Amino acid sequence: MTIGPVAETRVWIVAGLTDLRRGFTGLSALVQTALEQNPFSGHVFVFRGRRGDLVKLLWWDGDGLCLLAKRLERGRFVWPQAESGTVALTRAQLSMLLEGIDWRRPERTWVPRYAV
C-alpha cells in the first residue's frame, strides 16, 4: 500500500494567491464555489500563499480529505501568472513543483541517440 494519488488523478494548481490559514473546510469550499469543482473527486488541488514559499494540497483519498503542506527553506514555488482559475499539471510536474523546480520548462540533461 502506498500513500498518494493513483495514476488517473488530475492535479490542479489554483491560480492566484490563497489565504493559507484556511483548513479542510475553507479550502474545500473554495474548490466548490470559486473553481466549481468537486473536492471529493479524487483530484489534487494545490494552493499557494502570499509569500510563495508555502503550498497546501487538498486531496480526497476515498476515505477522507487529506491536507498536506510544504514550506521551502529557500526560494519560492513557481506559480502561473493567471489571477484566477486552474492550471492542470502532470504528476511529474507536481513533483518538480514540490522540489522548487520550474515545472513549466524542464530541460533534459541527456537525450538518447541510438537504440542499439
PDB file of N, CA and C in Angstrom:
ATOM      1  N   MET A   1       0.838  -1.181   0.000  1.00  0.00           N
ATOM      2  CA  MET A   1       0.000   0.000   0.000  1.00  0.00           C
ATOM      3  C   MET A   1       0.886   1.248   0.000  1.00  0.00           C
ATOM      4  N   THR A   2       0.523   2.203  -0.830  1.00  0.00           N
ATOM      5  CA  THR A   2       1.245   3.465  -0.851  1.00  0.00           C
ATOM      6  C   THR A   2       0.304   4.597  -0.493  1.00  0.00           C
ATOM      7  N   ILE A   3       0.870   5.647   0.024  1.00  0.00           N
ATOM      8  CA  ILE A   3       0.084   6.835   0.316  1.00  0.00           C
ATOM      9  C   ILE A   3       0.295   7.788  -0.840  1.00  0.00           C
ATOM     10  N   GLY A   4      -0.781   8.178  -1.487  1.00  0.00           N
ATOM     11  CA  GLY A   4      -0.678   9.102  -2.606  1.00  0.00           C
ATOM     12  C   GLY A   4      -1.742   8.820  -3.631  1.00  0.00           C
ATOM     13  N   PRO A   5      -1.916   9.752  -4.549  1.00  0.00           N
ATOM     14  CA  PRO A   5      -2.951   9.608  -5.565  1.00  0.00           C
ATOM     15  C   PRO A   5      -2.611   8.518  -6.568  1.00  0.00           C
ATOM     16  N   VAL A   6      -3.656   7.930  -7.153  1.00  0.00           N
ATOM     17  CA  VAL A   6      -3.477   6.908  -8.178  1.00  0.00           C
ATOM     18  C   VAL A   6      -3.115   7.569  -9.505  1.00  0.00           C
ATOM     19  N   ALA A   7      -2.713   6.775 -10.485  1.00  0.00           N
ATOM     20  CA  ALA A   7      -2.209   7.294 -11.756  1.00  0.00           C
ATOM     21  C   ALA A   7      -3.218   8.165 -12.504  1.00  0.00           C
ATOM     22  N   GLU A   8      -4.503   7.895 -12.380  1.00  0.00           N
ATOM     23  CA  GLU A   8      -5.519   8.648 -13.130  1.00  0.00           C
ATOM     24  C   GLU A   8      -5.859   9.995 -12.494  1.00  0.00           C
ATOM     25  N   THR A   9      -5.317  10.278 -11.346  1.00  0.00           N
ATOM     26  CA  THR A   9      -5.648  11.503 -10.616  1.00  0.00           C
ATOM     27  C   THR A   9      -5.157  12.730 -11.367  1.00  0.00           C
ATOM     28  N   ARG A  10      -6.014  13.729 -11.480  1.00  0.00           N
ATOM     29  CA  ARG A  10      -5.634  15.017 -12.082  1.00  0.00           C
ATOM     30  C   ARG A  10      -5.095  15.918 -10.978  1.00  0.00           C
ATOM     31  N   VAL A  11      -4.144  16.761 -11.353  1.00  0.00           N
ATOM     32  CA  VAL A  11      -3.556  17.715 -10.414  1.00  0.00           C
ATOM     33  C   VAL A  11      -3.870  19.111 -10.921  1.00  0.00           C
ATOM     34  N   TRP A  12      -4.452  19.932 -10.068  1.00  0.00           N
ATOM     35  CA  TRP A  12      -4.848  21.290 -10.433  1.00  0.00           C
ATOM     36  C   TRP A  12      -4.151  22.302  -9.534  1.00  0.00           C
ATOM     37  N   ILE A  13      -3.444  23.241 -10.155  1.00  0.00           N
ATOM     38  CA  ILE A  13      -2.907  24.386  -9.428  1.00  0.00           C
ATOM     39  C   ILE A  13      -4.008  25.436  -9.401  1.00  0.00           C
ATOM     40  N   VAL A  14      -4.318  25.943  -8.237  1.00  0.00           N
ATOM     41  CA  VAL A  14      -5.304  27.006  -8.108  1.00  0.00           C
ATOM     42  C   VAL A  14      -4.555  28.331  -8.292  1.00  0.00           C
ATOM     43  N   ALA A  15      -4.845  29.019  -9.404  1.00  0.00           N
ATOM     44  CA  ALA A  15      -4.131  30.254  -9.750  1.00  0.00           C
ATOM     45  C   ALA A  15      -4.409  31.342  -8.727  1.00  0.00           C
ATOM     46  N   GLY A  16      -3.510  32.301  -8.662  1.00  0.00           N
ATOM     47  CA  GLY A  16      -3.655  33.396  -7.714  1.00  0.00           C
ATOM     48  C   GLY A  16      -3.156  32.995  -6.341  1.00  0.00           C
ATOM     49  N   LEU A  17      -3.433  33.833  -5.379  1.00  0.00           N
ATOM     50  CA  LEU A  17      -2.989  33.600  -4.010  1.00  0.00           C
ATOM     51  C   LEU A  17      -4.153  33.168  -3.146  1.00  0.00           C
ATOM     52  N   THR A  18      -3.874  32.327  -2.162  1.00  0.00           N
ATOM     53  CA  THR A  18      -4.898  31.811  -1.265  1.00  0.00           C
ATOM     54  C   THR A  18      -4.490  32.098   0.166  1.00  0.00           C
ATOM     55  N   ASP A  19      -5.457  32.435   1.002  1.00  0.00           N
ATOM     56  CA  ASP A  19      -5.217  32.601   2.426  1.00  0.00           C
ATOM     57  C   ASP A  19      -5.012  31.200   3.012  1.00  0.00           C
ATOM     58  N   LEU A  20      -3.764  30.864   3.314  1.00  0.00           N
ATOM     59  CA  LEU A  20      -3.456  29.511   3.761  1.00  0.00           C
ATOM     60  C   LEU A  20      -3.734  29.287   5.239  1.00  0.00           C
ATOM     61  N   ARG A  21      -4.406  30.229   5.886  1.00  0.00           N
ATOM     62  CA  ARG A  21      -4.906  29.968   7.234  1.00  0.00           C
ATOM     63  C   ARG A  21      -6.117  29.042   7.148  1.00  0.00           C
ATOM     64  N   ARG A  22      -6.666  28.909   5.948  1.00  0.00           N
ATOM     65  CA  ARG A  22      -7.803  28.018   5.735  1.00  0.00           C
ATOM     66  C   ARG A  22      -7.370  26.570   5.916  1.00  0.00           C
ATOM     67  N   GLY A  23      -8.303  25.763   6.386  1.00  0.00           N
ATOM     68  CA  GLY A  23      -8.058  24.341   6.570  1.00  0.00           C
ATOM     69  C   GLY A  23      -8.903  23.524   5.613  1.00  0.00           C
ATOM     70  N   PHE A  24      -9.275  22.331   6.048  1.00  0.00           N
ATOM     71  CA  PHE A  24     -10.065  21.423   5.220  1.00  0.00           C
ATOM     72  C   PHE A  24     -11.339  22.075   4.696  1.00  0.00           C
ATOM     73  N   THR A  25     -12.122  22.642   5.603  1.00  0.00           N
ATOM     74  CA  THR A  25     -13.428  23.197   5.243  1.00  0.00           C
ATOM     75  C   THR A  25     -13.288  24.402   4.327  1.00  0.00           C
ATOM     76  N   GLY A  26     -12.408  25.328   4.661  1.00  0.00           N
ATOM     77  CA  GLY A  26     -12.245  26.539   3.857  1.00  0.00           C
ATOM     78  C   GLY A  26     -11.712  26.261   2.457  1.00  0.00           C
ATOM     79  N   LEU A  27     -10.726  25.369   2.354  1.00  0.00           N
ATOM     80  CA  LEU A  27     -10.164  25.066   1.029  1.00  0.00           C
ATOM     81  C   LEU A  27     -11.130  24.242   0.184  1.00  0.00           C
ATOM     82  N   SER A  28     -11.838  23.297   0.790  1.00  0.00           N
ATOM     83  CA  SER A  28     -12.808  22.522   0.007  1.00  0.00           C
ATOM     84  C   SER A  28     -13.975  23.410  -0.431  1.00  0.00           C
ATOM     85  N   ALA A  29     -14.374  24.388   0.387  1.00  0.00           N
ATOM     86  CA  ALA A  29     -15.413  25.341  -0.014  1.00  0.00           C
ATOM     87  C   ALA A  29     -14.923  26.193  -1.183  1.00  0.00           C
ATOM     88  N   LEU A  30     -13.655  26.582  -1.161  1.00  0.00           N
ATOM     89  CA  LEU A  30     -13.072  27.348  -2.267  1.00  0.00           C
ATOM     90  C   LEU A  30     -13.073  26.534  -3.559  1.00  0.00           C
ATOM     91  N   VAL A  31     -12.751  25.254  -3.466  1.00  0.00           N
ATOM     92  CA  VAL A  31     -12.774  24.371  -4.641  1.00  0.00           C
ATOM     93  C   VAL A  31     -14.192  24.311  -5.198  1.00  0.00           C
ATOM     94  N   GLN A  32     -15.178  24.179  -4.326  1.00  0.00           N
ATOM     95  CA  GLN A  32     -16.572  24.061  -4.760  1.00  0.00           C
ATOM     96  C   GLN A  32     -17.121  25.355  -5.337  1.00  0.00           C
ATOM     97  N   THR A  33     -16.879  26.478  -4.680  1.00  0.00           N
ATOM     98  CA  THR A  33     -17.518  27.727  -5.101  1.00  0.00           C
ATOM     99  C   THR A  33     -16.724  28.456  -6.182  1.00  0.00           C
ATOM    100  N   ALA A  34     -15.467  28.733  -5.930  1.00  0.00           N
ATOM    101  CA  ALA A  34     -14.673  29.528  -6.873  1.00  0.00           C
ATOM    102  C   ALA A  34     -14.265  28.733  -8.115  1.00  0.00           C
ATOM    103  N   LEU A  35     -13.917  27.459  -7.928  1.00  0.00           N
ATOM    104  CA  LEU A  35     -13.444  26.651  -9.062  1.00  0.00           C
ATOM    105  C   LEU A  35     -14.548  25.821  -9.698  1.00  0.00           C
ATOM    106  N   GLU A  36     -15.674  25.701  -8.990  1.00  0.00           N
ATOM    107  CA  GLU A  36     -16.800  24.892  -9.449  1.00  0.00           C
ATOM    108  C   GLU A  36     -16.369  23.458  -9.742  1.00  0.00           C
ATOM    109  N   GLN A  37     -15.553  22.932  -8.830  1.00  0.00           N
ATOM    110  CA  GLN A  37     -15.083  21.545  -8.903  1.00  0.00           C
ATOM    111  C   GLN A  37     -15.574  20.807  -7.665  1.00  0.00           C
ATOM    112  N   ASN A  38     -15.524  19.489  -7.723  1.00  0.00           N
ATOM    113  CA  ASN A  38     -15.916  18.668  -6.591  1.00  0.00           C
ATOM    114  C   ASN A  38     -14.662  18.317  -5.784  1.00  0.00           C
ATOM    115  N   PRO A  39     -14.555  18.796  -4.542  1.00  0.00           N
ATOM    116  CA  PRO A  39     -13.363  18.484  -3.752  1.00  0.00           C
ATOM    117  C   PRO A  39     -13.251  17.002  -3.393  1.00  0.00           C
ATOM    118  N   PHE A  40     -14.326  16.243  -3.592  1.00  0.00           N
ATOM    119  CA  PHE A  40     -14.336  14.814  -3.286  1.00  0.00           C
ATOM    120  C   PHE A  40     -14.171  13.969  -4.548  1.00  0.00           C
ATOM    121  N   SER A  41     -13.624  14.567  -5.610  1.00  0.00           N
ATOM    122  CA  SER A  41     -13.462  13.877  -6.894  1.00  0.00           C
ATOM    123  C   SER A  41     -12.236  12.980  -6.932  1.00  0.00           C
ATOM    124  N   GLY A  42     -11.321  13.154  -5.991  1.00  0.00           N
ATOM    125  CA  GLY A  42     -10.075  12.402  -6.013  1.00  0.00           C
ATOM    126  C   GLY A  42      -8.951  13.170  -6.675  1.00  0.00           C
ATOM    127  N   HIS A  43      -9.263  14.352  -7.225  1.00  0.00           N
ATOM    128  CA  HIS A  43      -8.227  15.195  -7.814  1.00  0.00           C
ATOM    129  C   HIS A  43      -7.457  15.908  -6.708  1.00  0.00           C
ATOM    130  N   VAL A  44      -6.243  16.349  -7.038  1.00  0.00           N
ATOM    131  CA  VAL A  44      -5.402  17.090  -6.101  1.00  0.00           C
ATOM    132  C   VAL A  44      -5.497  18.569  -6.452  1.00  0.00           C
ATOM    133  N   PHE A  45      -5.757  19.404  -5.470  1.00  0.00           N
ATOM    134  CA  PHE A  45      -5.829  20.849  -5.655  1.00  0.00           C
ATOM    135  C   PHE A  45      -4.684  21.475  -4.875  1.00  0.00           C
ATOM    136  N   VAL A  46      -3.871  22.299  -5.566  1.00  0.00           N
ATOM    137  CA  VAL A  46      -2.674  22.885  -4.964  1.00  0.00           C
ATOM    138  C   VAL A  46      -2.883  24.391  -4.812  1.00  0.00           C
ATOM    139  N   PHE A  47      -2.663  24.910  -3.606  1.00  0.00           N
ATOM    140  CA  PHE A  47      -2.856  26.318  -3.279  1.00  0.00           C
ATOM    141  C   PHE A  47      -1.533  26.911  -2.831  1.00  0.00           C
ATOM    142  N   ARG A  48      -1.287  28.182  -3.164  1.00  0.00           N
ATOM    143  CA  ARG A  48      -0.057  28.867  -2.753  1.00  0.00           C
ATOM    144  C   ARG A  48      -0.393  30.094  -1.927  1.00  0.00           C
ATOM    145  N   GLY A  49       0.410  30.368  -0.924  1.00  0.00           N
ATOM    146  CA  GLY A  49       0.238  31.532  -0.077  1.00  0.00           C
ATOM    147  C   GLY A  49       0.882  32.770  -0.672  1.00  0.00           C
ATOM    148  N   ARG A  50       0.721  33.877   0.009  1.00  0.00           N
ATOM    149  CA  ARG A  50       1.187  35.179  -0.476  1.00  0.00           C
ATOM    150  C   ARG A  50       2.699  35.237  -0.644  1.00  0.00           C
ATOM    151  N   ARG A  51       3.463  34.735   0.317  1.00  0.00           N
ATOM    152  CA  ARG A  51       4.927  34.821   0.233  1.00  0.00           C
ATOM    153  C   ARG A  51       5.514  33.893  -0.825  1.00  0.00           C
ATOM    154  N   GLY A  52       4.797  32.840  -1.177  1.00  0.00           N
ATOM    155  CA  GLY A  52       5.262  31.954  -2.237  1.00  0.00           C
ATOM    156  C   GLY A  52       6.137  30.811  -1.781  1.00  0.00           C
ATOM    157  N   ASP A  53       6.419  30.722  -0.478  1.00  0.00           N
ATOM    158  CA  ASP A  53       7.267  29.634  -0.011  1.00  0.00           C
ATOM    159  C   ASP A  53       6.474  28.510   0.650  1.00  0.00           C
ATOM    160  N   LEU A  54       5.131  28.615   0.644  1.00  0.00           N
ATOM    161  CA  LEU A  54       4.270  27.617   1.268  1.00  0.00           C
ATOM    162  C   LEU A  54       3.160  27.228   0.302  1.00  0.00           C
ATOM    163  N   VAL A  55       2.927  25.921   0.174  1.00  0.00           N
ATOM    164  CA  VAL A  55       1.786  25.419  -0.592  1.00  0.00           C
ATOM    165  C   VAL A  55       1.025  24.432   0.279  1.00  0.00           C
ATOM    166  N   LYS A  56      -0.257  24.313  -0.022  1.00  0.00           N
ATOM    167  CA  LYS A  56      -1.098  23.291   0.596  1.00  0.00           C
ATOM    168  C   LYS A  56      -1.769  22.504  -0.518  1.00  0.00           C
ATOM    169  N   LEU A  57      -1.859  21.194  -0.318  1.00  0.00           N
ATOM    170  CA  LEU A  57      -2.509  20.308  -1.267  1.00  0.00           C
ATOM    171  C   LEU A  57      -3.722  19.698  -0.591  1.00  0.00           C
ATOM    172  N   LEU A  58      -4.860  19.732  -1.277  1.00  0.00           N
ATOM    173  CA  LEU A  58      -6.097  19.140  -0.783  1.00  0.00           C
ATOM    174  C   LEU A  58      -6.427  17.970  -1.691  1.00  0.00           C
ATOM    175  N   TRP A  59      -6.668  16.794  -1.080  1.00  0.00           N
ATOM    176  CA  TRP A  59      -6.895  15.582  -1.874  1.00  0.00           C
ATOM    177  C   TRP A  59      -7.831  14.646  -1.126  1.00  0.00           C
ATOM    178  N   TRP A  60      -8.829  14.141  -1.841  1.00  0.00           N
ATOM    179  CA  TRP A  60      -9.759  13.150  -1.291  1.00  0.00           C
ATOM    180  C   TRP A  60      -9.218  11.775  -1.656  1.00  0.00           C
ATOM    181  N   ASP A  61      -8.887  10.946  -0.671  1.00  0.00           N
ATOM    182  CA  ASP A  61      -8.291   9.636  -0.941  1.00  0.00           C
ATOM    183  C   ASP A  61      -9.309   8.507  -0.977  1.00  0.00           C
ATOM    184  N   GLY A  62     -10.593   8.838  -0.885  1.00  0.00           N
ATOM    185  CA  GLY A  62     -11.637   7.827  -0.912  1.00  0.00           C
ATOM    186  C   GLY A  62     -12.253   7.605   0.459  1.00  0.00           C
ATOM    187  N   ASP A  63     -11.492   7.873   1.505  1.00  0.00           N
ATOM    188  CA  ASP A  63     -11.984   7.716   2.872  1.00  0.00           C
ATOM    189  C   ASP A  63     -12.137   9.041   3.596  1.00  0.00           C
ATOM    190  N   GLY A  64     -11.379  10.041   3.166  1.00  0.00           N
ATOM    191  CA  GLY A  64     -11.414  11.337   3.824  1.00  0.00           C
ATOM    192  C   GLY A  64     -10.522  12.327   3.104  1.00  0.00           C
ATOM    193  N   LEU A  65     -10.631  13.588   3.488  1.00  0.00           N
ATOM    194  CA  LEU A  65      -9.796  14.622   2.889  1.00  0.00           C
ATOM    195  C   LEU A  65      -8.407  14.598   3.512  1.00  0.00           C
ATOM    196  N   CYS A  66      -7.401  14.770   2.669  1.00  0.00           N
ATOM    197  CA  CYS A  66      -6.017  14.887   3.116  1.00  0.00           C
ATOM    198  C   CYS A  66      -5.577  16.319   2.851  1.00  0.00           C
ATOM    199  N   LEU A  67      -4.918  16.923   3.812  1.00  0.00           N
ATOM    200  CA  LEU A  67      -4.394  18.267   3.667  1.00  0.00           C
ATOM    201  C   LEU A  67      -2.900  18.199   3.940  1.00  0.00           C
ATOM    202  N   LEU A  68      -2.116  18.442   2.912  1.00  0.00           N
ATOM    203  CA  LEU A  68      -0.660  18.371   3.018  1.00  0.00           C
ATOM    204  C   LEU A  68      -0.096  19.764   2.834  1.00  0.00           C
ATOM    205  N   ALA A  69       0.954  20.077   3.550  1.00  0.00           N
ATOM    206  CA  ALA A  69       1.590  21.390   3.440  1.00  0.00           C
ATOM    207  C   ALA A  69       3.088  21.196   3.235  1.00  0.00           C
ATOM    208  N   LYS A  70       3.691  22.100   2.438  1.00  0.00           N
ATOM    209  CA  LYS A  70       5.139  22.102   2.269  1.00  0.00           C
ATOM    210  C   LYS A  70       5.614  23.541   2.233  1.00  0.00           C
ATOM    211  N   ARG A  71       6.682  23.788   3.004  1.00  0.00           N
ATOM    212  CA  ARG A  71       7.313  25.106   3.024  1.00  0.00           C
ATOM    213  C   ARG A  71       8.750  24.923   2.566  1.00  0.00           C
ATOM    214  N   LEU A  72       9.172  25.738   1.600  1.00  0.00           N
ATOM    215  CA  LEU A  72      10.551  25.701   1.136  1.00  0.00           C
ATOM    216  C   LEU A  72      11.432  26.494   2.099  1.00  0.00           C
ATOM    217  N   GLU A  73      12.591  25.965   2.400  1.00  0.00           N
ATOM    218  CA  GLU A  73      13.540  26.673   3.255  1.00  0.00           C
ATOM    219  C   GLU A  73      14.146  27.868   2.524  1.00  0.00           C
ATOM    220  N   ARG A  74      14.394  27.696   1.211  1.00  0.00           N
ATOM    221  CA  ARG A  74      14.917  28.789   0.380  1.00  0.00           C
ATOM    222  C   ARG A  74      14.164  28.785  -0.936  1.00  0.00           C
ATOM    223  N   GLY A  75      13.969  29.956  -1.496  1.00  0.00           N
ATOM    224  CA  GLY A  75      13.316  30.069  -2.792  1.00  0.00           C
ATOM    225  C   GLY A  75      11.802  30.126  -2.677  1.00  0.00           C
ATOM    226  N   ARG A  76      11.166  30.129  -3.850  1.00  0.00           N
ATOM    227  CA  ARG A  76       9.710  30.228  -3.949  1.00  0.00           C
ATOM    228  C   ARG A  76       9.201  29.161  -4.910  1.00  0.00           C
ATOM    229  N   PHE A  77       7.950  28.772  -4.720  1.00  0.00           N
ATOM    230  CA  PHE A  77       7.314  27.850  -5.654  1.00  0.00           C
ATOM    231  C   PHE A  77       6.990  28.594  -6.945  1.00  0.00           C
ATOM    232  N   VAL A  78       7.238  27.960  -8.096  1.00  0.00           N
ATOM    233  CA  VAL A  78       6.935  28.556  -9.393  1.00  0.00           C
ATOM    234  C   VAL A  78       5.435  28.460  -9.607  1.00  0.00           C
ATOM    235  N   TRP A  79       4.816  29.606  -9.905  1.00  0.00           N
ATOM    236  CA  TRP A  79       3.346  29.679  -9.993  1.00  0.00           C
ATOM    237  C   TRP A  79       2.943  30.340 -11.294  1.00  0.00           C
ATOM    238  N   PRO A  80       1.796  29.950 -11.876  1.00  0.00           N
ATOM    239  CA  PRO A  80       1.330  30.605 -13.105  1.00  0.00           C
ATOM    240  C   PRO A  80       0.973  32.070 -12.873  1.00  0.00           C
ATOM    241  N   GLN A  81       1.030  32.869 -13.925  1.00  0.00           N
ATOM    242  CA  GLN A  81       0.742  34.299 -13.827  1.00  0.00           C
ATOM    243  C   GLN A  81      -0.745  34.604 -13.695  1.00  0.00           C
ATOM    244  N   ALA A  82      -1.614  33.664 -14.059  1.00  0.00           N
ATOM    245  CA  ALA A  82      -3.062  33.894 -14.015  1.00  0.00           C
ATOM    246  C   ALA A  82      -3.511  34.241 -12.594  1.00  0.00           C
ATOM    247  N   GLU A  83      -4.516  35.087 -12.494  1.00  0.00           N
ATOM    248  CA  GLU A  83      -5.043  35.509 -11.199  1.00  0.00           C
ATOM    249  C   GLU A  83      -6.204  34.638 -10.721  1.00  0.00           C
ATOM    250  N   SER A  84      -6.822  33.891 -11.637  1.00  0.00           N
ATOM    251  CA  SER A  84      -7.946  33.036 -11.247  1.00  0.00           C
ATOM    252  C   SER A  84      -7.977  31.806 -12.134  1.00  0.00           C
ATOM    253  N   GLY A  85      -8.764  30.814 -11.714  1.00  0.00           N
ATOM    254  CA  GLY A  85      -8.885  29.583 -12.475  1.00  0.00           C
ATOM    255  C   GLY A  85      -7.880  28.542 -12.022  1.00  0.00           C
ATOM    256  N   THR A  86      -7.672  27.555 -12.886  1.00  0.00           N
ATOM    257  CA  THR A  86      -6.769  26.468 -12.551  1.00  0.00           C
ATOM    258  C   THR A  86      -5.835  26.173 -13.707  1.00  0.00           C
ATOM    259  N   VAL A  87      -4.748  25.501 -13.397  1.00  0.00           N
ATOM    260  CA  VAL A  87      -3.796  25.017 -14.388  1.00  0.00           C
ATOM    261  C   VAL A  87      -3.583  23.543 -14.088  1.00  0.00           C
ATOM    262  N   ALA A  88      -3.703  22.684 -15.119  1.00  0.00           N
ATOM    263  CA  ALA A  88      -3.522  21.247 -14.925  1.00  0.00           C
ATOM    264  C   ALA A  88      -2.039  20.898 -14.983  1.00  0.00           C
ATOM    265  N   LEU A  89      -1.626  19.997 -14.097  1.00  0.00           N
ATOM    266  CA  LEU A  89      -0.254  19.506 -14.064  1.00  0.00           C
ATOM    267  C   LEU A  89      -0.246  17.993 -14.181  1.00  0.00           C
ATOM    268  N   THR A  90       0.862  17.464 -14.668  1.00  0.00           N
ATOM    269  CA  THR A  90       1.076  16.021 -14.606  1.00  0.00           C
ATOM    270  C   THR A  90       1.658  15.698 -13.236  1.00  0.00           C
ATOM    271  N   ARG A  91       1.711  14.420 -12.909  1.00  0.00           N
ATOM    272  CA  ARG A  91       2.310  14.033 -11.627  1.00  0.00           C
ATOM    273  C   ARG A  91       3.792  14.397 -11.593  1.00  0.00           C
ATOM    274  N   ALA A  92       4.469  14.285 -12.739  1.00  0.00           N
ATOM    275  CA  ALA A  92       5.888  14.652 -12.798  1.00  0.00           C
ATOM    276  C   ALA A  92       6.066  16.147 -12.551  1.00  0.00           C
ATOM    277  N   GLN A  93       5.188  16.963 -13.138  1.00  0.00           N
ATOM    278  CA  GLN A  93       5.267  18.406 -12.915  1.00  0.00           C
ATOM    279  C   GLN A  93       4.987  18.748 -11.455  1.00  0.00           C
ATOM    280  N   LEU A  94       4.049  18.037 -10.822  1.00  0.00           N
ATOM    281  CA  LEU A  94       3.783  18.257  -9.400  1.00  0.00           C
ATOM    282  C   LEU A  94       5.026  17.938  -8.584  1.00  0.00           C
ATOM    283  N   SER A  95       5.712  16.860  -8.909  1.00  0.00           N
ATOM    284  CA  SER A  95       6.943  16.512  -8.195  1.00  0.00           C
ATOM    285  C   SER A  95       7.982  17.622  -8.336  1.00  0.00           C
ATOM    286  N   MET A  96       8.110  18.156  -9.557  1.00  0.00           N
ATOM    287  CA  MET A  96       9.063  19.245  -9.771  1.00  0.00           C
ATOM    288  C   MET A  96       8.655  20.486  -8.982  1.00  0.00           C
ATOM    289  N   LEU A  97       7.366  20.825  -9.026  1.00  0.00           N
ATOM    290  CA  LEU A  97       6.869  21.978  -8.279  1.00  0.00           C
ATOM    291  C   LEU A  97       7.219  21.858  -6.804  1.00  0.00           C
ATOM    292  N   LEU A  98       6.970  20.682  -6.221  1.00  0.00           N
ATOM    293  CA  LEU A  98       7.212  20.480  -4.798  1.00  0.00           C
ATOM    294  C   LEU A  98       8.697  20.493  -4.447  1.00  0.00           C
ATOM    295  N   GLU A  99       9.554  20.273  -5.438  1.00  0.00           N
ATOM    296  CA  GLU A  99      11.003  20.342  -5.219  1.00  0.00           C
ATOM    297  C   GLU A  99      11.547  21.751  -5.443  1.00  0.00           C
ATOM    298  N   GLY A 100      10.684  22.676  -5.867  1.00  0.00           N
ATOM    299  CA  GLY A 100      11.121  24.041  -6.131  1.00  0.00           C
ATOM    300  C   GLY A 100      11.703  24.224  -7.522  1.00  0.00           C
ATOM    301  N   ILE A 101      11.466  23.263  -8.419  1.00  0.00           N
ATOM    302  CA  ILE A 101      11.978  23.309  -9.792  1.00  0.00           C
ATOM    303  C   ILE A 101      10.943  23.990 -10.686  1.00  0.00           C
ATOM    304  N   ASP A 102      11.413  24.738 -11.697  1.00  0.00           N
ATOM    305  CA  ASP A 102      10.496  25.371 -12.652  1.00  0.00           C
ATOM    306  C   ASP A 102       9.880  24.281 -13.523  1.00  0.00           C
ATOM    307  N   TRP A 103       8.644  23.899 -13.226  1.00  0.00           N
ATOM    308  CA  TRP A 103       7.945  22.815 -13.910  1.00  0.00           C
ATOM    309  C   TRP A 103       7.469  23.218 -15.294  1.00  0.00           C
ATOM    310  N   ARG A 104       7.502  24.520 -15.624  1.00  0.00           N
ATOM    311  CA  ARG A 104       6.978  24.979 -16.914  1.00  0.00           C
ATOM    312  C   ARG A 104       7.916  24.670 -18.068  1.00  0.00           C
ATOM    313  N   ARG A 105       9.229  24.673 -17.812  1.00  0.00           N
ATOM    314  CA  ARG A 105      10.213  24.425 -18.871  1.00  0.00           C
ATOM    315  C   ARG A 105      11.319  23.493 -18.395  1.00  0.00           C
ATOM    316  N   PRO A 106      10.977  22.261 -18.047  1.00  0.00           N
ATOM    317  CA  PRO A 106      12.046  21.353 -17.615  1.00  0.00           C
ATOM    318  C   PRO A 106      12.941  21.002 -18.804  1.00  0.00           C
ATOM    319  N   GLU A 107      14.223  20.897 -18.538  1.00  0.00           N
ATOM    320  CA  GLU A 107      15.173  20.556 -19.598  1.00  0.00           C
ATOM    321  C   GLU A 107      15.815  19.227 -19.277  1.00  0.00           C
ATOM    322  N   ARG A 108      15.841  18.365 -20.262  1.00  0.00           N
ATOM    323  CA  ARG A 108      16.514  17.080 -20.097  1.00  0.00           C
ATOM    324  C   ARG A 108      18.011  17.305 -20.223  1.00  0.00           C
ATOM    325  N   THR A 109      18.775  16.594 -19.424  1.00  0.00           N
ATOM    326  CA  THR A 109      20.223  16.741 -19.475  1.00  0.00           C
ATOM    327  C   THR A 109      20.850  15.791 -20.472  1.00  0.00           C
ATOM    328  N   TRP A 110      20.082  14.805 -20.924  1.00  0.00           N
ATOM    329  CA  TRP A 110      20.611  13.828 -21.852  1.00  0.00           C
ATOM    330  C   TRP A 110      19.478  13.300 -22.711  1.00  0.00           C
ATOM    331  N   VAL A 111      19.736  13.198 -24.004  1.00  0.00           N
ATOM    332  CA  VAL A 111      18.752  12.673 -24.943  1.00  0.00           C
ATOM    333  C   VAL A 111      19.346  11.439 -25.618  1.00  0.00           C
ATOM    334  N   PRO A 112      18.662  10.294 -25.561  1.00  0.00           N
ATOM    335  CA  PRO A 112      19.222   9.104 -26.226  1.00  0.00           C
ATOM    336  C   PRO A 112      19.308   9.300 -27.736  1.00  0.00           C
ATOM    337  N   ARG A 113      20.388   8.798 -28.332  1.00  0.00           N
ATOM    338  CA  ARG A 113      20.588   8.958 -29.771  1.00  0.00           C
ATOM    339  C   ARG A 113      20.455   7.637 -30.521  1.00  0.00           C
ATOM    340  N   TYR A 114      20.880   6.561 -29.909  1.00  0.00           N
ATOM    341  CA  TYR A 114      20.885   5.260 -30.591  1.00  0.00           C
ATOM    342  C   TYR A 114      20.151   4.227 -29.769  1.00  0.00           C
ATOM    343  N   ALA A 115      19.407   3.399 -30.455  1.00  0.00           N
ATOM    344  CA  ALA A 115      18.664   2.339 -29.765  1.00  0.00           C
ATOM    345  C   ALA A 115      19.521   1.082 -29.596  1.00  0.00           C
ATOM    346  N   VAL A 116      20.573   0.964 -30.356  1.00  0.00           N
ATOM    347  CA  VAL A 116      21.395  -0.239 -30.300  1.00  0.00           C
ATOM    348  C   VAL A 116      22.795   0.099 -29.853  1.00  0.00           C
TER     349      VAL A 116
END
